[in-house]
Amino acid sequence: MSKADFLSALKARLQGLPCEEAEQTLTYYNEMIDDHMEMGMTEEEAVAVLGPIDEIVAQILDDTSLFKLLHTKIKPKRALRTFEIVLIVLGSFIWLPLLIAAAAIFASVYVAIWSVAIALYAVDASLAVGAVCGLFGGVAYLFGGMAATGSLAMGGGLCLAGLAILLAFGCQYAAKGLIRLGKWLLLGTKALLLGKEKVK
């Protein structure tokens, strides 16, 4: 891919960004290509070193705040006329509750995702507490002369300890997966604001 094609494709993908930020990004990649070419690479090799445009756009989306994208998306391209301002104010009884509902849905999905992780950690903590209680209770029963009950309590405590250790690994994997899912949802929302397909 030539430098001009690369910069043109990148510019098309960054149209939802603030103008200044899009221009800075294009200038940065233009200079990077020039630097690689000064080191002896051909134009195509210099472009290839930068990586796929999808990955570049995904990184830029990751670095750009959601509020900045929202502000750019809803910012009018020209000064509003009087009748447009009146329509916006009168229509606020419709669009404002819808906007609040959309924000509430987004927040509730995010909270629901993390409540799964919190619930898993709570179950793991309860298994660990049960294991400690079972082991100490078993020792107390043994010293109290109740060998069978003490052995049973200690065995139950050891089983709970094993389950707690196994679930701790599961919690760690679940938390990592939920972090990836949350990041994917955020990147997808940003990509929708840019008017592009969801980032994979």
C-alpha atoms as a PDB file:
ATOM      1  CA  MET A   1       0.000   0.000   0.000  1.00  0.00           C
ATOM      2  CA  SER A   2       1.329   3.436  -0.857  1.00  0.00           C
ATOM      3  CA  LYS A   3       1.731   6.232   1.657  1.00  0.00           C
ATOM      4  CA  ALA A   4      -1.064   8.276   0.068  1.00  0.00           C
ATOM      5  CA  ASP A   5      -3.471   5.295   0.110  1.00  0.00           C
ATOM      6  CA  PHE A   6      -2.613   4.515   3.732  1.00  0.00           C
ATOM      7  CA  LEU A   7      -3.122   8.100   4.911  1.00  0.00           C
ATOM      8  CA  SER A   8      -6.326   8.414   2.903  1.00  0.00           C
ATOM      9  CA  ALA A   9      -7.745   5.191   4.386  1.00  0.00           C
ATOM     10  CA  LEU A  10      -6.707   6.242   7.891  1.00  0.00           C
ATOM     11  CA  LYS A  11      -8.285   9.678   7.448  1.00  0.00           C
ATOM     12  CA  ALA A  12     -11.555   8.060   6.346  1.00  0.00           C
ATOM     13  CA  ARG A  13     -11.572   5.859   9.458  1.00  0.00           C
ATOM     14  CA  LEU A  14     -10.898   8.793  11.817  1.00  0.00           C
ATOM     15  CA  GLN A  15     -13.692  11.104  10.675  1.00  0.00           C
ATOM     16  CA  GLY A  16     -15.545  10.793  14.002  1.00  0.00           C
ATOM     17  CA  LEU A  17     -12.560  12.087  15.977  1.00  0.00           C
ATOM     18  CA  PRO A  18     -12.086  15.766  16.818  1.00  0.00           C
ATOM     19  CA  CYS A  19     -10.472  17.535  13.820  1.00  0.00           C
ATOM     20  CA  GLU A  20      -7.326  18.523  15.726  1.00  0.00           C
ATOM     21  CA  GLU A  21      -6.782  15.007  17.029  1.00  0.00           C
ATOM     22  CA  ALA A  22      -7.348  13.433  13.606  1.00  0.00           C
ATOM     23  CA  GLU A  23      -4.880  15.867  12.022  1.00  0.00           C
ATOM     24  CA  GLN A  24      -2.272  15.168  14.732  1.00  0.00           C
ATOM     25  CA  THR A  25      -2.680  11.428  14.164  1.00  0.00           C
ATOM     26  CA  LEU A  26      -2.297  11.760  10.396  1.00  0.00           C
ATOM     27  CA  THR A  27       0.769  14.002  10.830  1.00  0.00           C
ATOM     28  CA  TYR A  28       2.285  11.470  13.251  1.00  0.00           C
ATOM     29  CA  TYR A  29       1.869   8.542  10.834  1.00  0.00           C
ATOM     30  CA  ASN A  30       3.041  10.658   7.902  1.00  0.00           C
ATOM     31  CA  GLU A  31       6.254  11.452   9.805  1.00  0.00           C
ATOM     32  CA  MET A  32       6.689   7.814  10.825  1.00  0.00           C
ATOM     33  CA  ILE A  33       6.509   6.695   7.208  1.00  0.00           C
ATOM     34  CA  ASP A  34       8.993   9.402   6.214  1.00  0.00           C
ATOM     35  CA  ASP A  35      11.378   8.336   9.009  1.00  0.00           C
ATOM     36  CA  HIS A  36      11.251   4.692   7.881  1.00  0.00           C
ATOM     37  CA  MET A  37      11.891   5.754   4.289  1.00  0.00           C
ATOM     38  CA  GLU A  38      14.894   7.823   5.380  1.00  0.00           C
ATOM     39  CA  MET A  39      16.302   4.672   6.998  1.00  0.00           C
ATOM     40  CA  GLY A  40      16.262   2.973   3.580  1.00  0.00           C
ATOM     41  CA  MET A  41      12.840   1.310   3.416  1.00  0.00           C
ATOM     42  CA  THR A  42      10.632   1.569   0.372  1.00  0.00           C
ATOM     43  CA  GLU A  43       7.313   3.367   0.699  1.00  0.00           C
ATOM     44  CA  GLU A  44       5.384   0.064   0.786  1.00  0.00           C
ATOM     45  CA  GLU A  45       7.716  -1.433   3.412  1.00  0.00           C
ATOM     46  CA  ALA A  46       7.425   1.684   5.579  1.00  0.00           C
ATOM     47  CA  VAL A  47       3.638   1.454   5.444  1.00  0.00           C
ATOM     48  CA  ALA A  48       3.677  -2.299   6.124  1.00  0.00           C
ATOM     49  CA  VAL A  49       5.808  -1.813   9.275  1.00  0.00           C
ATOM     50  CA  LEU A  50       3.056   0.330  10.819  1.00  0.00           C
ATOM     51  CA  GLY A  51       0.655  -2.614  10.839  1.00  0.00           C
ATOM     52  CA  PRO A  52      -2.957  -3.029   9.729  1.00  0.00           C
ATOM     53  CA  ILE A  53      -5.185   0.055   9.780  1.00  0.00           C
ATOM     54  CA  ASP A  54      -7.770  -1.826  11.882  1.00  0.00           C
ATOM     55  CA  GLU A  55      -5.219  -2.290  14.683  1.00  0.00           C
ATOM     56  CA  ILE A  56      -4.121   1.342  14.452  1.00  0.00           C
ATOM     57  CA  VAL A  57      -7.729   2.567  14.674  1.00  0.00           C
ATOM     58  CA  ALA A  58      -8.414   0.193  17.591  1.00  0.00           C
ATOM     59  CA  GLN A  59      -5.412   1.626  19.484  1.00  0.00           C
ATOM     60  CA  ILE A  60      -6.517   5.191  18.762  1.00  0.00           C
ATOM     61  CA  LEU A  61     -10.032   4.362  19.989  1.00  0.00           C
ATOM     62  CA  ASP A  62      -8.574   2.824  23.121  1.00  0.00           C
ATOM     63  CA  ASP A  63      -6.621   6.012  23.822  1.00  0.00           C
ATOM     64  CA  THR A  64      -9.532   8.388  23.090  1.00  0.00           C
ATOM     65  CA  SER A  65     -12.048   9.063  25.855  1.00  0.00           C
ATOM     66  CA  LEU A  66     -15.697   8.195  25.279  1.00  0.00           C
ATOM     67  CA  PHE A  67     -16.768  11.692  26.361  1.00  0.00           C
ATOM     68  CA  LYS A  68     -14.529  13.294  23.730  1.00  0.00           C
ATOM     69  CA  LEU A  69     -16.111  11.114  21.032  1.00  0.00           C
ATOM     70  CA  LEU A  70     -19.613  11.914  22.279  1.00  0.00           C
ATOM     71  CA  HIS A  71     -18.841  15.634  22.330  1.00  0.00           C
ATOM     72  CA  THR A  72     -17.521  15.487  18.769  1.00  0.00           C
ATOM     73  CA  LYS A  73     -20.491  13.440  17.567  1.00  0.00           C
ATOM     74  CA  ILE A  74     -23.168  15.750  18.966  1.00  0.00           C
ATOM     75  CA  LYS A  75     -21.344  19.027  18.322  1.00  0.00           C
ATOM     76  CA  PRO A  76     -23.177  20.935  15.566  1.00  0.00           C
ATOM     77  CA  LYS A  77     -21.223  21.490  12.347  1.00  0.00           C
ATOM     78  CA  ARG A  78     -22.655  25.013  11.996  1.00  0.00           C
ATOM     79  CA  ALA A  79     -24.424  27.570  14.165  1.00  0.00           C
ATOM     80  CA  LEU A  80     -27.957  26.512  15.033  1.00  0.00           C
ATOM     81  CA  ARG A  81     -30.847  28.611  13.763  1.00  0.00           C
ATOM     82  CA  THR A  82     -33.502  29.894  16.131  1.00  0.00           C
ATOM     83  CA  PHE A  83     -36.183  27.425  15.043  1.00  0.00           C
ATOM     84  CA  GLU A  84     -33.697  24.532  15.455  1.00  0.00           C
ATOM     85  CA  ILE A  85     -32.943  25.591  19.022  1.00  0.00           C
ATOM     86  CA  VAL A  86     -36.693  25.800  19.744  1.00  0.00           C
ATOM     87  CA  LEU A  87     -37.198  22.307  18.287  1.00  0.00           C
ATOM     88  CA  ILE A  88     -34.346  20.915  20.397  1.00  0.00           C
ATOM     89  CA  VAL A  89     -35.797  22.455  23.565  1.00  0.00           C
ATOM     90  CA  LEU A  90     -39.329  21.271  22.803  1.00  0.00           C
ATOM     91  CA  GLY A  91     -38.068  17.834  21.809  1.00  0.00           C
ATOM     92  CA  SER A  92     -36.058  17.504  25.016  1.00  0.00           C
ATOM     93  CA  PHE A  93     -39.116  15.902  26.634  1.00  0.00           C
ATOM     94  CA  ILE A  94     -38.529  12.999  24.253  1.00  0.00           C
ATOM     95  CA  TRP A  95     -34.782  12.808  23.603  1.00  0.00           C
ATOM     96  CA  LEU A  96     -33.569  13.590  27.139  1.00  0.00           C
ATOM     97  CA  PRO A  97     -35.385  10.622  28.798  1.00  0.00           C
ATOM     98  CA  LEU A  98     -34.220   8.381  25.944  1.00  0.00           C
ATOM     99  CA  LEU A  99     -30.635   9.526  26.445  1.00  0.00           C
ATOM    100  CA  ILE A 100     -30.868   8.942  30.193  1.00  0.00           C
ATOM    101  CA  ALA A 101     -32.395   5.488  29.585  1.00  0.00           C
ATOM    102  CA  ALA A 102     -29.601   4.561  27.162  1.00  0.00           C
ATOM    103  CA  ALA A 103     -26.959   5.674  29.677  1.00  0.00           C
ATOM    104  CA  ALA A 104     -28.718   3.716  32.436  1.00  0.00           C
ATOM    105  CA  ILE A 105     -28.836   0.580  30.270  1.00  0.00           C
ATOM    106  CA  PHE A 106     -25.143   0.896  29.441  1.00  0.00           C
ATOM    107  CA  ALA A 107     -24.259   1.411  33.120  1.00  0.00           C
ATOM    108  CA  SER A 108     -26.477  -1.468  34.275  1.00  0.00           C
ATOM    109  CA  VAL A 109     -24.891  -3.870  31.762  1.00  0.00           C
ATOM    110  CA  TYR A 110     -21.439  -2.839  32.961  1.00  0.00           C
ATOM    111  CA  VAL A 111     -22.441  -3.251  36.640  1.00  0.00           C
ATOM    112  CA  ALA A 112     -24.095  -6.614  35.905  1.00  0.00           C
ATOM    113  CA  ILE A 113     -20.905  -7.860  34.274  1.00  0.00           C
ATOM    114  CA  TRP A 114     -18.841  -6.950  37.327  1.00  0.00           C
ATOM    115  CA  SER A 115     -21.440  -8.270  39.773  1.00  0.00           C
ATOM    116  CA  VAL A 116     -20.701 -11.754  38.393  1.00  0.00           C
ATOM    117  CA  ALA A 117     -17.030 -11.369  39.320  1.00  0.00           C
ATOM    118  CA  ILE A 118     -17.896  -9.964  42.763  1.00  0.00           C
ATOM    119  CA  ALA A 119     -20.304 -12.860  43.384  1.00  0.00           C
ATOM    120  CA  LEU A 120     -17.614 -15.405  42.438  1.00  0.00           C
ATOM    121  CA  TYR A 121     -15.120 -13.789  44.816  1.00  0.00           C
ATOM    122  CA  ALA A 122     -17.771 -13.730  47.571  1.00  0.00           C
ATOM    123  CA  VAL A 123     -18.409 -17.468  47.124  1.00  0.00           C
ATOM    124  CA  ASP A 124     -14.663 -18.113  47.194  1.00  0.00           C
ATOM    125  CA  ALA A 125     -14.290 -16.071  50.386  1.00  0.00           C
ATOM    126  CA  SER A 126     -17.164 -17.947  52.044  1.00  0.00           C
ATOM    127  CA  LEU A 127     -15.557 -21.288  51.133  1.00  0.00           C
ATOM    128  CA  ALA A 128     -12.265 -20.099  52.642  1.00  0.00           C
ATOM    129  CA  VAL A 129     -14.003 -18.962  55.851  1.00  0.00           C
ATOM    130  CA  GLY A 130     -15.847 -22.290  56.011  1.00  0.00           C
ATOM    131  CA  ALA A 131     -12.532 -24.137  55.594  1.00  0.00           C
ATOM    132  CA  VAL A 132     -10.908 -22.202  58.449  1.00  0.00           C
ATOM    133  CA  CYS A 133     -13.940 -22.727  60.709  1.00  0.00           C
ATOM    134  CA  GLY A 134     -14.040 -26.432  59.876  1.00  0.00           C
ATOM    135  CA  LEU A 135     -10.342 -26.923  60.638  1.00  0.00           C
ATOM    136  CA  PHE A 136     -10.382 -24.969  63.908  1.00  0.00           C
ATOM    137  CA  GLY A 137     -13.720 -26.498  64.915  1.00  0.00           C
ATOM    138  CA  GLY A 138     -12.347 -29.967  64.211  1.00  0.00           C
ATOM    139  CA  VAL A 139      -9.318 -29.314  66.424  1.00  0.00           C
ATOM    140  CA  ALA A 140     -11.622 -28.038  69.180  1.00  0.00           C
ATOM    141  CA  TYR A 141     -13.767 -31.164  68.940  1.00  0.00           C
ATOM    142  CA  LEU A 142     -10.671 -33.391  69.037  1.00  0.00           C
ATOM    143  CA  PHE A 143      -9.447 -31.715  72.226  1.00  0.00           C
ATOM    144  CA  GLY A 144     -12.982 -31.955  73.624  1.00  0.00           C
ATOM    145  CA  GLY A 145     -12.901 -35.743  73.305  1.00  0.00           C
ATOM    146  CA  MET A 146     -15.188 -35.997  70.262  1.00  0.00           C
ATOM    147  CA  ALA A 147     -12.797 -37.657  67.814  1.00  0.00           C
ATOM    148  CA  ALA A 148     -15.391 -38.662  65.183  1.00  0.00           C
ATOM    149  CA  THR A 149     -17.003 -35.229  65.053  1.00  0.00           C
ATOM    150  CA  GLY A 150     -13.585 -33.528  65.024  1.00  0.00           C
ATOM    151  CA  SER A 151     -12.339 -35.725  62.173  1.00  0.00           C
ATOM    152  CA  LEU A 152     -15.518 -35.056  60.189  1.00  0.00           C
ATOM    153  CA  ALA A 153     -15.231 -31.297  60.731  1.00  0.00           C
ATOM    154  CA  MET A 154     -11.553 -31.276  59.746  1.00  0.00           C
ATOM    155  CA  GLY A 155     -12.298 -33.340  56.622  1.00  0.00           C
ATOM    156  CA  GLY A 156     -15.058 -30.922  55.652  1.00  0.00           C
ATOM    157  CA  GLY A 157     -12.695 -28.007  56.271  1.00  0.00           C
ATOM    158  CA  LEU A 158     -10.046 -29.571  54.021  1.00  0.00           C
ATOM    159  CA  CYS A 159     -12.638 -30.151  51.275  1.00  0.00           C
ATOM    160  CA  LEU A 160     -13.770 -26.526  51.514  1.00  0.00           C
ATOM    161  CA  ALA A 161     -10.124 -25.368  51.410  1.00  0.00           C
ATOM    162  CA  GLY A 162      -9.559 -27.366  48.208  1.00  0.00           C
ATOM    163  CA  LEU A 163     -12.705 -25.919  46.633  1.00  0.00           C
ATOM    164  CA  ALA A 164     -11.656 -22.397  47.671  1.00  0.00           C
ATOM    165  CA  ILE A 165      -8.246 -22.830  46.027  1.00  0.00           C
ATOM    166  CA  LEU A 166      -9.785 -24.174  42.799  1.00  0.00           C
ATOM    167  CA  LEU A 167     -12.376 -21.414  42.712  1.00  0.00           C
ATOM    168  CA  ALA A 168      -9.647 -18.788  43.268  1.00  0.00           C
ATOM    169  CA  PHE A 169      -8.119 -19.817  39.927  1.00  0.00           C
ATOM    170  CA  GLY A 170     -11.563 -19.705  38.312  1.00  0.00           C
ATOM    171  CA  CYS A 171     -12.172 -16.226  39.752  1.00  0.00           C
ATOM    172  CA  GLN A 172      -8.884 -15.013  38.315  1.00  0.00           C
ATOM    173  CA  TYR A 173      -9.751 -16.277  34.821  1.00  0.00           C
ATOM    174  CA  ALA A 174     -13.293 -14.889  35.085  1.00  0.00           C
ATOM    175  CA  ALA A 175     -12.007 -11.451  36.133  1.00  0.00           C
ATOM    176  CA  LYS A 176      -9.562 -11.359  33.203  1.00  0.00           C
ATOM    177  CA  GLY A 177     -12.347 -12.388  30.823  1.00  0.00           C
ATOM    178  CA  LEU A 178     -14.680  -9.731  32.217  1.00  0.00           C
ATOM    179  CA  ILE A 179     -11.987  -7.069  31.838  1.00  0.00           C
ATOM    180  CA  ARG A 180     -11.587  -8.091  28.184  1.00  0.00           C
ATOM    181  CA  LEU A 181     -15.374  -8.068  27.713  1.00  0.00           C
ATOM    182  CA  GLY A 182     -15.673  -4.606  29.280  1.00  0.00           C
ATOM    183  CA  LYS A 183     -12.881  -3.289  27.065  1.00  0.00           C
ATOM    184  CA  TRP A 184     -14.517  -4.861  23.998  1.00  0.00           C
ATOM    185  CA  LEU A 185     -17.858  -3.204  24.848  1.00  0.00           C
ATOM    186  CA  LEU A 186     -16.187   0.179  25.352  1.00  0.00           C
ATOM    187  CA  LEU A 187     -14.243  -0.103  22.083  1.00  0.00           C
ATOM    188  CA  GLY A 188     -17.409  -1.219  20.304  1.00  0.00           C
ATOM    189  CA  THR A 189     -19.291   1.815  21.616  1.00  0.00           C
ATOM    190  CA  LYS A 190     -16.481   4.114  20.484  1.00  0.00           C
ATOM    191  CA  ALA A 191     -16.421   2.438  17.069  1.00  0.00           C
ATOM    192  CA  LEU A 192     -20.173   2.981  16.718  1.00  0.00           C
ATOM    193  CA  LEU A 193     -19.662   6.666  17.518  1.00  0.00           C
ATOM    194  CA  LEU A 194     -17.127   6.830  14.693  1.00  0.00           C
ATOM    195  CA  GLY A 195     -19.736   5.214  12.458  1.00  0.00           C
ATOM    196  CA  LYS A 196     -17.578   2.162  11.751  1.00  0.00           C
ATOM    197  CA  GLU A 197     -17.976  -1.540  12.323  1.00  0.00           C
ATOM    198  CA  LYS A 198     -17.341  -2.842  15.797  1.00  0.00           C
ATOM    199  CA  VAL A 199     -13.674  -3.428  16.597  1.00  0.00           C
ATOM    200  CA  LYS A 200     -12.824  -7.100  16.894  1.00  0.00           C
END
